Amino acid sequence: MNQTLGKHLIIDGSDCNYQTLCNVELVRSFLDSLPEQIDMKKILPALSFPWTDCQPEEWGVTGFVLISTSHITIHTFPEKRFLFADCFSCKAFNEKRVMGLFVETFGIKHLETRTIDRGASHGISDHYRAS
């Protein structure tokens, strides 16, 4: 029986609140507080940055926070009213809680999620799993 090293939750949110998708400080503060809300240990304060592409409609906010067991990221696309987010951790976490916090904060109306078990093909044993 293969063990996994961790879970990788992938969130695609659409029809989100435009104002929250534009707000660099909101993204930073959300990511900064999220680890504690899901019983994770933050390594460094969260960072967020505005980004732009070659085309004017391609812009948004990117943010991340490093946690002791991996990372949480978000990329927003205000003009398209969607976001992409990832939560990966070797420590078990409540996926529904994470999804709910993203939905509540960013006003996500349509949510698609996937969870990937990481490390299963490498024969990771419980000895290496974070508690």
C-alpha atoms as a PDB file:
ATOM      1  CA  MET A   1       0.000   0.000   0.000  1.00  0.00           C
ATOM      2  CA  ASN A   2       1.517   3.324  -1.072  1.00  0.00           C
ATOM      3  CA  GLN A   3       1.557   6.199   1.369  1.00  0.00           C
ATOM      4  CA  THR A   4       1.356   9.797   0.217  1.00  0.00           C
ATOM      5  CA  LEU A   5       3.570  12.646   1.289  1.00  0.00           C
ATOM      6  CA  GLY A   6       0.822  15.241   1.176  1.00  0.00           C
ATOM      7  CA  LYS A   7      -2.272  16.727  -0.370  1.00  0.00           C
ATOM      8  CA  HIS A   8      -2.324  19.380  -3.060  1.00  0.00           C
ATOM      9  CA  LEU A   9      -5.636  21.234  -3.234  1.00  0.00           C
ATOM     10  CA  ILE A  10      -6.169  23.116  -6.506  1.00  0.00           C
ATOM     11  CA  ILE A  11      -8.858  25.809  -6.583  1.00  0.00           C
ATOM     12  CA  ASP A  12     -10.268  27.440  -9.720  1.00  0.00           C
ATOM     13  CA  GLY A  13     -12.775  30.144  -8.838  1.00  0.00           C
ATOM     14  CA  SER A  14     -14.882  32.094 -11.308  1.00  0.00           C
ATOM     15  CA  ASP A  15     -17.464  34.865 -11.168  1.00  0.00           C
ATOM     16  CA  CYS A  16     -15.540  36.291  -8.194  1.00  0.00           C
ATOM     17  CA  ASN A  17     -15.854  39.723  -6.591  1.00  0.00           C
ATOM     18  CA  TYR A  18     -13.955  42.163  -8.810  1.00  0.00           C
ATOM     19  CA  GLN A  19     -12.860  44.447  -5.955  1.00  0.00           C
ATOM     20  CA  THR A  20     -11.307  41.666  -3.893  1.00  0.00           C
ATOM     21  CA  LEU A  21      -9.449  40.294  -6.915  1.00  0.00           C
ATOM     22  CA  CYS A  22      -7.835  43.751  -7.410  1.00  0.00           C
ATOM     23  CA  ASN A  23      -6.842  44.315  -3.794  1.00  0.00           C
ATOM     24  CA  VAL A  24      -3.136  43.589  -3.240  1.00  0.00           C
ATOM     25  CA  GLU A  25      -3.379  44.200   0.526  1.00  0.00           C
ATOM     26  CA  LEU A  26      -6.461  41.986   0.915  1.00  0.00           C
ATOM     27  CA  VAL A  27      -4.684  39.118  -0.875  1.00  0.00           C
ATOM     28  CA  ARG A  28      -1.637  39.575   1.360  1.00  0.00           C
ATOM     29  CA  SER A  29      -3.612  39.748   4.607  1.00  0.00           C
ATOM     30  CA  PHE A  30      -5.783  36.769   3.594  1.00  0.00           C
ATOM     31  CA  LEU A  31      -2.715  34.631   2.888  1.00  0.00           C
ATOM     32  CA  ASP A  32      -0.995  35.899   6.026  1.00  0.00           C
ATOM     33  CA  SER A  33      -3.881  34.804   8.258  1.00  0.00           C
ATOM     34  CA  LEU A  34      -4.842  31.606   6.413  1.00  0.00           C
ATOM     35  CA  PRO A  35      -2.180  29.275   7.860  1.00  0.00           C
ATOM     36  CA  GLU A  36      -3.305  29.899  11.440  1.00  0.00           C
ATOM     37  CA  GLN A  37      -6.948  29.392  10.440  1.00  0.00           C
ATOM     38  CA  ILE A  38      -6.140  25.918   9.091  1.00  0.00           C
ATOM     39  CA  ASP A  39      -3.683  24.925  11.838  1.00  0.00           C
ATOM     40  CA  MET A  40      -0.523  25.441   9.783  1.00  0.00           C
ATOM     41  CA  LYS A  41       2.733  27.111  10.744  1.00  0.00           C
ATOM     42  CA  LYS A  42       3.751  30.125   8.672  1.00  0.00           C
ATOM     43  CA  ILE A  43       7.508  30.419   7.990  1.00  0.00           C
ATOM     44  CA  LEU A  44       7.534  34.008   6.690  1.00  0.00           C
ATOM     45  CA  PRO A  45       4.931  36.749   6.292  1.00  0.00           C
ATOM     46  CA  ALA A  46       2.821  36.454   3.144  1.00  0.00           C
ATOM     47  CA  LEU A  47       3.725  38.483   0.078  1.00  0.00           C
ATOM     48  CA  SER A  48       1.493  39.782  -2.718  1.00  0.00           C
ATOM     49  CA  PHE A  49       2.243  41.756  -5.846  1.00  0.00           C
ATOM     50  CA  PRO A  50       0.326  43.310  -8.717  1.00  0.00           C
ATOM     51  CA  TRP A  51       1.214  41.862 -12.099  1.00  0.00           C
ATOM     52  CA  THR A  52       0.552  42.869 -15.697  1.00  0.00           C
ATOM     53  CA  ASP A  53       1.004  41.159 -19.019  1.00  0.00           C
ATOM     54  CA  CYS A  54       1.431  42.555 -22.522  1.00  0.00           C
ATOM     55  CA  GLN A  55      -2.306  42.974 -23.000  1.00  0.00           C
ATOM     56  CA  PRO A  56      -4.164  45.520 -20.827  1.00  0.00           C
ATOM     57  CA  GLU A  57      -6.875  43.038 -19.770  1.00  0.00           C
ATOM     58  CA  GLU A  58      -4.226  40.636 -18.478  1.00  0.00           C
ATOM     59  CA  TRP A  59      -3.409  41.837 -14.980  1.00  0.00           C
ATOM     60  CA  GLY A  60      -4.099  40.899 -11.386  1.00  0.00           C
ATOM     61  CA  VAL A  61      -2.550  40.024  -8.051  1.00  0.00           C
ATOM     62  CA  THR A  62      -0.221  37.156  -7.221  1.00  0.00           C
ATOM     63  CA  GLY A  63       0.505  36.131  -3.653  1.00  0.00           C
ATOM     64  CA  PHE A  64       2.063  33.357  -1.649  1.00  0.00           C
ATOM     65  CA  VAL A  65       2.855  32.272   1.860  1.00  0.00           C
ATOM     66  CA  LEU A  66       5.406  29.673   2.828  1.00  0.00           C
ATOM     67  CA  ILE A  67       4.288  27.251   5.495  1.00  0.00           C
ATOM     68  CA  SER A  68       6.493  24.777   7.314  1.00  0.00           C
ATOM     69  CA  THR A  69       4.966  21.926   5.340  1.00  0.00           C
ATOM     70  CA  SER A  70       4.945  23.663   1.909  1.00  0.00           C
ATOM     71  CA  HIS A  71       3.000  26.642   0.475  1.00  0.00           C
ATOM     72  CA  ILE A  72      -0.250  28.408  -0.387  1.00  0.00           C
ATOM     73  CA  THR A  73      -0.543  30.556  -3.540  1.00  0.00           C
ATOM     74  CA  ILE A  74      -3.116  32.658  -5.366  1.00  0.00           C
ATOM     75  CA  HIS A  75      -3.236  34.318  -8.786  1.00  0.00           C
ATOM     76  CA  THR A  76      -6.132  36.671  -9.581  1.00  0.00           C
ATOM     77  CA  PHE A  77      -7.491  37.814 -12.950  1.00  0.00           C
ATOM     78  CA  PRO A  78      -9.920  40.680 -12.164  1.00  0.00           C
ATOM     79  CA  GLU A  79     -11.022  41.423 -15.735  1.00  0.00           C
ATOM     80  CA  LYS A  80     -11.997  37.773 -16.160  1.00  0.00           C
ATOM     81  CA  ARG A  81     -13.303  37.631 -12.564  1.00  0.00           C
ATOM     82  CA  PHE A  82     -11.427  34.439 -11.736  1.00  0.00           C
ATOM     83  CA  LEU A  83      -8.616  33.158  -9.573  1.00  0.00           C
ATOM     84  CA  PHE A  84      -6.358  30.159  -9.317  1.00  0.00           C
ATOM     85  CA  ALA A  85      -5.112  28.974  -5.922  1.00  0.00           C
ATOM     86  CA  ASP A  86      -3.074  26.099  -4.526  1.00  0.00           C
ATOM     87  CA  CYS A  87      -2.674  24.730  -1.031  1.00  0.00           C
ATOM     88  CA  PHE A  88      -0.056  22.020  -0.700  1.00  0.00           C
ATOM     89  CA  SER A  89       0.990  20.513   2.604  1.00  0.00           C
ATOM     90  CA  CYS A  90       2.584  17.359   3.942  1.00  0.00           C
ATOM     91  CA  LYS A  91       0.446  17.910   7.050  1.00  0.00           C
ATOM     92  CA  ALA A  92      -3.229  16.967   6.781  1.00  0.00           C
ATOM     93  CA  PHE A  93      -5.597  19.926   6.491  1.00  0.00           C
ATOM     94  CA  ASN A  94      -9.312  20.508   6.219  1.00  0.00           C
ATOM     95  CA  GLU A  95      -9.831  21.012   2.476  1.00  0.00           C
ATOM     96  CA  LYS A  96     -13.452  22.124   2.893  1.00  0.00           C
ATOM     97  CA  ARG A  97     -12.354  24.811   5.372  1.00  0.00           C
ATOM     98  CA  VAL A  98      -9.752  26.120   2.909  1.00  0.00           C
ATOM     99  CA  MET A  99     -12.312  26.179   0.083  1.00  0.00           C
ATOM    100  CA  GLY A 100     -14.854  27.939   2.292  1.00  0.00           C
ATOM    101  CA  LEU A 101     -12.403  30.657   3.278  1.00  0.00           C
ATOM    102  CA  PHE A 102     -11.522  31.317  -0.367  1.00  0.00           C
ATOM    103  CA  VAL A 103     -15.211  31.407  -1.377  1.00  0.00           C
ATOM    104  CA  GLU A 104     -16.095  33.750   1.480  1.00  0.00           C
ATOM    105  CA  THR A 105     -13.159  36.121   0.980  1.00  0.00           C
ATOM    106  CA  PHE A 106     -13.215  36.379  -2.801  1.00  0.00           C
ATOM    107  CA  GLY A 107     -16.950  35.991  -3.413  1.00  0.00           C
ATOM    108  CA  ILE A 108     -16.453  32.937  -5.605  1.00  0.00           C
ATOM    109  CA  LYS A 109     -19.744  31.986  -7.263  1.00  0.00           C
ATOM    110  CA  HIS A 110     -18.444  28.979  -9.229  1.00  0.00           C
ATOM    111  CA  LEU A 111     -15.836  26.724  -7.695  1.00  0.00           C
ATOM    112  CA  GLU A 112     -13.883  23.864  -9.250  1.00  0.00           C
ATOM    113  CA  THR A 113     -11.441  21.930  -7.110  1.00  0.00           C
ATOM    114  CA  ARG A 114      -9.120  18.982  -7.451  1.00  0.00           C
ATOM    115  CA  THR A 115      -7.030  17.251  -4.843  1.00  0.00           C
ATOM    116  CA  ILE A 116      -3.880  15.401  -5.764  1.00  0.00           C
ATOM    117  CA  ASP A 117      -2.110  12.929  -3.497  1.00  0.00           C
ATOM    118  CA  ARG A 118       1.579  13.791  -3.725  1.00  0.00           C
ATOM    119  CA  GLY A 119       4.465  11.367  -3.336  1.00  0.00           C
ATOM    120  CA  ALA A 120       2.467   8.129  -3.591  1.00  0.00           C
ATOM    121  CA  SER A 121       4.621   6.726  -6.377  1.00  0.00           C
ATOM    122  CA  HIS A 122       7.793   7.223  -4.368  1.00  0.00           C
ATOM    123  CA  GLY A 123       6.946   4.790  -1.573  1.00  0.00           C
ATOM    124  CA  ILE A 124       6.963   7.473   1.115  1.00  0.00           C
ATOM    125  CA  SER A 125       6.486   5.911   4.521  1.00  0.00           C
ATOM    126  CA  ASP A 126       4.713   7.374   7.556  1.00  0.00           C
ATOM    127  CA  HIS A 127       8.148   7.968   9.046  1.00  0.00           C
ATOM    128  CA  TYR A 128       8.603  10.941   6.692  1.00  0.00           C
ATOM    129  CA  ARG A 129       5.125  12.402   6.973  1.00  0.00           C
ATOM    130  CA  ALA A 130       4.661  15.632   8.900  1.00  0.00           C
ATOM    131  CA  SER A 131       2.392  15.331  11.909  1.00  0.00           C
END
